[in-house]
Amino acid sequence: MWAMDLTYIPMALGFVYFCAVVDWFSQKVLS
């Protein structure tokens, strides 16, 4: 099973989205 985290980071010239997909069983970040 995978989990996804989407984080919104405000920057001086706009904003950035950081997205991480984590495998729950191996606890590894897939992307």
Protein backbone atom coordinates (compact mmCIF):
# COMPACT_ATOMS: atom_id res chain seq x y z
CA MET A 1 0.00 0.00 0.00
CA TRP A 2 1.24 3.48 -0.83
CA ALA A 3 0.74 6.81 0.91
CA MET A 4 1.04 10.24 -0.68
CA ASP A 5 2.09 13.53 0.91
CA LEU A 6 1.51 16.82 -0.89
CA THR A 7 3.10 19.90 0.68
CA TYR A 8 2.59 23.51 -0.44
CA ILE A 9 5.71 25.65 0.10
CA PRO A 10 5.39 29.43 -0.39
CA MET A 11 8.45 31.02 -2.03
CA ALA A 12 9.52 34.61 -2.74
CA LEU A 13 8.66 34.28 -6.45
CA GLY A 14 5.54 32.11 -6.13
CA PHE A 15 5.07 28.66 -4.65
CA VAL A 16 6.32 25.08 -4.91
CA TYR A 17 4.46 21.80 -4.46
CA PHE A 18 6.43 18.92 -2.93
CA CYS A 19 4.94 15.48 -3.50
CA ALA A 20 6.20 12.23 -1.95
CA VAL A 21 4.87 8.70 -2.48
CA VAL A 22 5.82 6.27 0.31
CA ASP A 23 5.49 2.48 0.36
CA TRP A 24 3.97 1.60 3.77
CA PHE A 25 5.55 -1.86 3.93
CA SER A 26 9.16 -1.01 3.06
CA GLN A 27 8.99 2.63 4.31
CA LYS A 28 10.82 3.73 1.15
CA VAL A 29 10.07 6.92 -0.76
CA LEU A 30 9.12 5.94 -4.31
CA SER A 31 8.95 9.38 -5.89
